[in-house]
C-alpha cells in the first residue's frame, strides 16, 4: 500500500461500501487520514452503479430514536446484516431525508430545530433556528445542489390543512449550508402532504399535493434548488397518474410515481425524459396477491425507512 500513489488508493477505497471504509479508521493513523479525505467522498458518491445504496432505518419501537443501517450489496442476501448506528443526543427526532451521506434530522419536540447528521461518523451540526409560526402542518425538503456543491433545506409551514380555494395559508423558508440565517420565500399556492416523501431529481425536490375539492387532482410540484422556484411537473393524460393517490419516488435516476390503484394494485410510472409530458411510461404493474387479512398499506410498510444515496 505504501508504494501506491494516493490517487490509486482512494480510487480503490471509493468502490467499497461505507461501513468497510469506516473500518479503515481503526487500522492506523495513515488509513484514518485516507478515510477522512474529502476527495474520497467526492469519488464515492458519483458511483450509483458500483456502490449499492444503504437503507437507513429509523425505529421508535421498542426503544425510541434508534437508527440502523442495511447495505444492499449482497445479491444472495447471505452477507446482509443490520448494523446499529449511534444516534445524536436529541430528546426526540424525525428523519427529514437523506442525501449524499448526510441525514437531515428534525427535532420533533420543538418543531423548529434541524440538524445535519453523518450517521457513520456520528458528527452532526445544528442549523440556526428558523422562524416558527405555530402552524398546523409542517413540510420539509432536503437536497444537494451539484453545481454549487451546497446542501439546502426547505421548510413550509401551513396554517390550515385546506381552505375554500384549495390550499391553506403558508410560509416558505430555505436554509443553505454554510450561511448563517434562513431566507423567507413567501407563500406557495400548493398544499403538500405533511410527512410525505420528497425526492431529488435533476437538482429539483418534488412533492405531491393534497387534492382540492374545487381544483385539480393531486399534483406533482418541483422546487429548483438553483433558482429556488416552485413549478408544477406535467403528468400524462391517461393512465394511473390521473387518479388521486400516488407517491413520488426515484427509479434508475428518473422521476417516478407509485400509483395506488383499486384492490391493492400498484403501478410504477417513470418519466424517461425529465419535464416532458409524453415521456411518462408505465414500467410495472404489481397486483395484490395477498389474502384480504394480510393486506397492508404500502406507505406504512416503508414508513421510517430512508435510502442513503
Protein backbone atom coordinates (compact mmCIF):
# COMPACT_ATOMS: atom_id res chain seq x y z
CA UNK A 1 0.00 0.00 0.00
CA UNK A 2 2.81 2.42 0.83
CA UNK A 3 4.20 2.12 -2.70
CA UNK A 4 0.90 3.01 -4.37
CA UNK A 5 0.06 6.65 -5.23
CA UNK A 6 -2.65 8.16 -3.04
CA UNK A 7 -4.95 8.66 -6.06
CA UNK A 8 -4.98 4.91 -6.76
CA UNK A 9 -5.60 4.04 -3.09
CA UNK A 10 -8.53 6.46 -2.93
CA UNK A 11 -9.93 5.03 -6.16
CA UNK A 12 -9.85 1.55 -4.64
CA UNK A 13 -11.45 2.67 -1.37
CA UNK A 14 -14.16 4.61 -3.22
CA UNK A 15 -15.51 1.31 -4.57
CA UNK A 16 -16.09 -0.17 -1.10
CA UNK A 17 -19.30 0.00 0.97
CA UNK A 18 -19.47 2.83 3.50
CA UNK A 19 -19.12 0.54 6.53
CA UNK A 20 -15.99 -1.03 5.04
CA UNK A 21 -14.45 2.41 4.54
CA UNK A 22 -15.18 3.27 8.16
CA UNK A 23 -13.30 0.19 9.32
CA UNK A 24 -10.18 1.78 7.83
CA UNK A 25 -10.33 4.27 10.70
CA UNK A 26 -9.28 1.50 13.08
CA UNK A 27 -6.23 0.24 11.16
CA UNK A 28 -3.72 3.03 11.71
CA UNK A 29 -3.38 6.81 11.56
CA UNK A 30 -2.43 6.76 7.87
CA UNK A 31 -5.59 4.81 6.97
CA UNK A 32 -7.64 7.12 9.20
CA UNK A 33 -6.40 10.10 7.19
CA UNK A 34 -7.32 8.31 3.95
CA UNK A 35 -10.84 7.50 5.16
CA UNK A 36 -11.38 11.14 6.17
CA UNK A 37 -10.02 12.55 2.91
CA UNK A 38 -12.67 14.81 1.34
CA UNK A 39 -11.65 13.58 -2.11
CA UNK A 40 -12.73 10.06 -1.14
CA UNK A 41 -16.30 11.22 -0.52
CA UNK A 42 -16.42 13.09 -3.84
CA UNK A 43 -15.25 9.91 -5.62
CA UNK A 44 -17.56 7.55 -3.71
CA UNK A 45 -20.99 9.14 -4.20
CA UNK A 46 -20.97 9.50 -8.02
CA UNK A 47 -20.82 5.70 -8.39
CA UNK A 48 -24.52 4.72 -8.20
CA UNK A 49 -23.96 1.69 -10.40
CA UNK A 50 -20.98 0.38 -8.45
CA UNK A 51 -21.90 1.27 -4.86
CA UNK A 52 -25.20 -0.25 -3.79
CA UNK A 53 -27.46 2.03 -1.74
CA UNK A 54 -27.70 1.75 2.01
CA UNK A 55 -31.00 1.64 3.83
CA UNK A 56 -31.23 3.75 6.97
CA UNK A 57 -33.96 2.53 9.30
CA UNK A 58 -35.41 4.92 11.87
CA UNK A 59 -37.22 3.00 14.62
CA UNK A 60 -39.19 4.19 17.65
CA UNK A 61 -40.23 0.76 18.94
CA UNK A 62 -39.46 -0.85 21.31
CA UNK A 63 -36.79 1.83 22.01
CA UNK A 64 -37.31 5.39 20.82
CA UNK A 65 -34.90 7.17 18.45
CA UNK A 66 -32.92 4.24 17.08
CA UNK A 67 -31.05 4.23 13.75
CA UNK A 68 -29.92 1.11 11.86
CA UNK A 69 -28.17 0.60 8.52
CA UNK A 70 -28.51 -2.16 5.92
CA UNK A 71 -26.24 -2.21 2.88
CA UNK A 72 -27.86 -3.76 -0.18
CA UNK A 73 -24.66 -5.00 -1.76
CA UNK A 74 -25.25 -8.74 -1.47
CA UNK A 75 -27.29 -10.31 -4.27
CA UNK A 76 -27.99 -13.56 -2.44
CA UNK A 77 -28.71 -11.95 0.91
CA UNK A 78 -26.29 -14.18 2.83
CA UNK A 79 -23.98 -11.34 3.85
CA UNK A 80 -26.64 -8.76 4.64
CA UNK A 81 -26.95 -7.66 8.22
CA UNK A 82 -28.44 -4.78 10.12
CA UNK A 83 -25.98 -2.56 11.99
CA UNK A 84 -26.92 -0.23 14.81
CA UNK A 85 -25.86 3.40 14.32
CA UNK A 86 -25.04 5.81 17.12
CA UNK A 87 -27.69 8.49 17.41
CA UNK A 88 -27.18 12.14 18.39
CA UNK A 89 -28.17 13.27 21.86
CA UNK A 90 -31.58 14.67 20.98
CA UNK A 91 -34.75 14.18 23.06
CA UNK A 92 -36.87 13.34 20.01
CA UNK A 93 -36.19 13.46 16.29
CA UNK A 94 -37.58 12.51 12.90
CA UNK A 95 -35.59 11.92 9.73
CA UNK A 96 -36.44 14.53 7.09
CA UNK A 97 -34.43 12.92 4.28
CA UNK A 98 -31.01 11.60 3.33
CA UNK A 99 -28.76 12.99 0.62
CA UNK A 100 -25.16 12.17 -0.32
CA UNK A 101 -24.15 10.73 3.03
CA UNK A 102 -25.96 13.18 5.31
CA UNK A 103 -29.21 12.83 7.20
CA UNK A 104 -31.34 15.89 7.87
CA UNK A 105 -32.85 15.45 11.34
CA UNK A 106 -35.78 17.40 12.71
CA UNK A 107 -36.31 17.96 16.45
CA UNK A 108 -39.93 16.86 16.74
CA UNK A 109 -40.22 18.13 20.33
CA UNK A 110 -39.62 21.80 19.43
CA UNK A 111 -40.56 21.70 15.69
CA UNK A 112 -38.02 24.42 14.82
CA UNK A 113 -34.58 22.79 15.16
CA UNK A 114 -32.79 20.97 12.34
CA UNK A 115 -29.50 19.06 12.32
CA UNK A 116 -27.15 17.77 9.62
CA UNK A 117 -26.00 14.34 10.78
CA UNK A 118 -23.43 11.91 9.40
CA UNK A 119 -24.76 8.54 10.64
CA UNK A 120 -21.45 6.73 10.13
CA UNK A 121 -19.06 9.16 11.80
CA UNK A 122 -21.51 10.48 14.40
CA UNK A 123 -20.75 14.11 13.51
CA UNK A 124 -23.68 16.50 13.46
CA UNK A 125 -24.21 20.22 13.15
CA UNK A 126 -27.15 22.27 14.32
CA UNK A 127 -28.69 24.66 11.83
CA UNK A 128 -29.79 28.13 13.01
CA UNK A 129 -33.29 28.14 14.45
CA UNK A 130 -35.91 29.08 11.87
CA UNK A 131 -38.94 31.25 12.44
CA UNK A 132 -41.78 29.11 13.78
CA UNK A 133 -45.35 30.20 13.15
CA UNK A 134 -47.16 27.55 15.23
CA UNK A 135 -48.94 26.40 12.11
CA UNK A 136 -50.84 23.14 11.82
CA UNK A 137 -48.84 21.32 9.14
CA UNK A 138 -45.09 21.29 8.63
CA UNK A 139 -43.39 20.01 5.45
CA UNK A 140 -39.63 19.70 4.84
CA UNK A 141 -37.35 19.11 1.87
CA UNK A 142 -33.63 18.37 1.84
CA UNK A 143 -31.29 18.22 -1.16
CA UNK A 144 -27.86 18.83 -2.62
CA UNK A 145 -27.11 21.21 -5.49
CA UNK A 146 -24.36 19.59 -7.53
CA UNK A 147 -23.30 22.81 -9.28
CA UNK A 148 -22.52 24.97 -6.25
CA UNK A 149 -21.99 21.85 -4.05
CA UNK A 150 -24.19 23.03 -1.20
CA UNK A 151 -26.92 21.37 0.83
CA UNK A 152 -30.26 23.14 1.17
CA UNK A 153 -33.27 22.50 3.36
CA UNK A 154 -36.77 23.83 2.66
CA UNK A 155 -39.33 24.34 5.42
CA UNK A 156 -43.01 25.04 4.71
CA UNK A 157 -45.50 25.99 7.47
CA UNK A 158 -49.25 25.70 6.82
CA UNK A 159 -51.84 27.41 9.00
CA UNK A 160 -54.71 25.11 7.92
CA UNK A 161 -54.99 21.87 6.04
CA UNK A 162 -57.15 23.18 3.21
CA UNK A 163 -59.16 26.33 2.56
CA UNK A 164 -62.08 27.00 0.22
CA UNK A 165 -59.66 27.93 -2.57
CA UNK A 166 -57.82 24.62 -2.34
CA UNK A 167 -54.84 25.48 -0.15
CA UNK A 168 -54.03 26.88 3.27
CA UNK A 169 -52.02 29.90 4.33
CA UNK A 170 -48.32 29.08 4.04
CA UNK A 171 -44.85 30.40 4.78
CA UNK A 172 -41.79 29.03 2.93
CA UNK A 173 -38.25 29.29 4.32
CA UNK A 174 -34.96 27.95 2.96
CA UNK A 175 -31.54 27.48 4.52
CA UNK A 176 -28.27 26.85 2.65
CA UNK A 177 -25.50 25.00 4.47
CA UNK A 178 -22.68 27.47 5.05
CA UNK A 179 -24.93 30.51 5.51
CA UNK A 180 -25.93 31.96 8.88
CA UNK A 181 -29.65 32.65 8.51
CA UNK A 182 -32.83 31.32 6.96
CA UNK A 183 -34.31 33.12 3.97
CA UNK A 184 -38.04 33.68 3.51
CA UNK A 185 -39.54 32.83 0.12
CA UNK A 186 -43.06 33.99 0.94
CA UNK A 187 -46.13 31.89 0.22
CA UNK A 188 -46.87 28.97 -2.08
CA UNK A 189 -50.18 28.17 -3.88
CA UNK A 190 -49.87 24.44 -3.16
CA UNK A 191 -50.52 22.35 -0.09
CA UNK A 192 -48.11 19.42 0.20
CA UNK A 193 -48.88 16.33 2.20
CA UNK A 194 -47.36 16.54 5.68
CA UNK A 195 -44.78 13.82 6.21
CA UNK A 196 -44.97 12.73 2.57
CA UNK A 197 -41.85 11.58 0.78
CA UNK A 198 -39.89 14.12 -1.22
CA UNK A 199 -37.50 13.06 -3.96
CA UNK A 200 -34.49 14.77 -5.53
CA UNK A 201 -34.19 14.50 -9.31
CA UNK A 202 -32.42 16.82 -11.75
CA UNK A 203 -31.43 19.20 -8.91
CA UNK A 204 -35.10 19.61 -8.00
CA UNK A 205 -37.08 18.49 -4.97
CA UNK A 206 -40.52 17.01 -5.65
CA UNK A 207 -43.65 16.61 -3.54
CA UNK A 208 -47.24 15.61 -4.16
CA UNK A 209 -50.11 17.87 -3.08
CA UNK A 210 -53.43 17.38 -1.37
CA UNK A 211 -56.24 17.04 -3.93
CA UNK A 212 -58.61 20.03 -3.99
CA UNK A 213 -62.39 19.77 -3.91
CA UNK A 214 -62.67 22.67 -6.37
CA UNK A 215 -59.46 22.22 -8.34
CA UNK A 216 -57.27 19.60 -9.99
CA UNK A 217 -56.47 16.19 -8.55
CA UNK A 218 -53.21 15.57 -6.75
CA UNK A 219 -50.28 17.37 -8.43
CA UNK A 220 -46.54 16.83 -8.69
CA UNK A 221 -44.69 20.03 -7.75
CA UNK A 222 -40.95 20.64 -8.00
CA UNK A 223 -38.62 23.10 -6.29
CA UNK A 224 -35.49 24.12 -8.19
CA UNK A 225 -32.51 24.26 -5.79
CA UNK A 226 -30.78 26.74 -8.11
CA UNK A 227 -33.37 29.44 -8.83
CA UNK A 228 -35.49 28.49 -5.76
CA UNK A 229 -38.77 28.47 -7.69
CA UNK A 230 -41.73 26.09 -7.47
CA UNK A 231 -43.19 24.58 -10.63
CA UNK A 232 -45.91 22.05 -11.46
CA UNK A 233 -44.48 18.98 -13.18
CA UNK A 234 -46.54 17.67 -16.14
CA UNK A 235 -48.39 14.39 -15.76
CA UNK A 236 -49.57 12.01 -18.51
CA UNK A 237 -53.06 12.48 -19.91
CA UNK A 238 -54.01 8.87 -19.34
CA UNK A 239 -53.14 6.03 -17.03
CA UNK A 240 -52.76 5.79 -13.29
CA UNK A 241 -51.46 9.28 -12.52
CA UNK A 242 -54.79 10.93 -13.26
CA UNK A 243 -56.05 9.14 -10.18
CA UNK A 244 -55.78 10.71 -6.77
CA UNK A 245 -53.43 8.57 -4.72
CA UNK A 246 -49.75 8.35 -5.69
CA UNK A 247 -46.32 8.97 -4.18
CA UNK A 248 -43.18 10.39 -5.90
CA UNK A 249 -40.18 8.05 -5.99
CA UNK A 250 -36.86 7.72 -7.84
CA UNK A 251 -36.23 4.74 -10.09
CA UNK A 252 -32.99 4.43 -12.04
CA UNK A 253 -32.28 8.12 -11.51
CA UNK A 254 -35.62 9.08 -13.11
CA UNK A 255 -38.58 10.84 -11.54
CA UNK A 256 -41.21 8.17 -10.97
CA UNK A 257 -44.51 7.66 -9.21
CA UNK A 258 -46.00 4.78 -7.26
CA UNK A 259 -49.72 4.82 -8.04
CA UNK A 260 -52.13 3.14 -5.65
CA UNK A 261 -54.98 1.58 -7.62
CA UNK A 262 -58.10 -0.37 -6.69
CA UNK A 263 -57.88 -3.71 -4.91
CA UNK A 264 -54.33 -3.10 -3.71
CA UNK A 265 -52.82 -2.93 -7.19
CA UNK A 266 -49.68 -0.80 -7.56
CA UNK A 267 -48.44 0.85 -10.79
CA UNK A 268 -44.95 2.33 -11.25
CA UNK A 269 -44.76 5.17 -13.79
CA UNK A 270 -41.40 6.59 -14.92
CA UNK A 271 -40.65 9.93 -16.57
CA UNK A 272 -37.98 8.86 -19.07
CA UNK A 273 -37.14 12.42 -20.10
CA UNK A 274 -37.47 14.97 -17.32
CA UNK A 275 -40.28 17.53 -17.53
CA UNK A 276 -41.57 16.20 -20.86
CA UNK A 277 -45.19 15.13 -20.56
CA UNK A 278 -45.20 12.49 -23.28
CA UNK A 279 -42.28 10.58 -21.78
CA UNK A 280 -44.19 9.09 -18.85
CA UNK A 281 -44.16 5.30 -19.24
CA UNK A 282 -45.79 2.65 -17.07
CA UNK A 283 -42.91 0.32 -16.20
CA UNK A 284 -44.54 -2.05 -13.71
CA UNK A 285 -47.99 -3.19 -12.71
CA UNK A 286 -47.96 -5.08 -9.41
CA UNK A 287 -51.08 -6.94 -8.39
CA UNK A 288 -52.19 -7.62 -4.85
CA UNK A 289 -51.83 -11.36 -4.37
CA UNK A 290 -52.16 -11.34 -0.59
CA UNK A 291 -55.25 -12.59 1.15
CA UNK A 292 -57.58 -9.97 2.49
CA UNK A 293 -56.41 -10.34 6.08
CA UNK A 294 -52.77 -9.80 5.13
CA UNK A 295 -53.28 -6.65 3.06
CA UNK A 296 -51.12 -3.69 4.12
CA UNK A 297 -50.88 -0.06 3.12
CA UNK A 298 -47.67 0.32 1.07
CA UNK A 299 -46.94 3.72 2.62
CA UNK A 300 -47.00 2.11 6.07
CA UNK A 301 -44.65 -0.68 5.00
CA UNK A 302 -41.92 1.79 4.10
CA UNK A 303 -42.63 4.30 6.86
CA UNK A 304 -39.42 5.00 8.78
CA UNK A 305 -37.10 3.78 6.03
CA UNK A 306 -34.62 6.19 4.43
CA UNK A 307 -32.36 5.37 1.47
CA UNK A 308 -28.92 6.89 1.90
CA UNK A 309 -27.55 7.80 -1.51
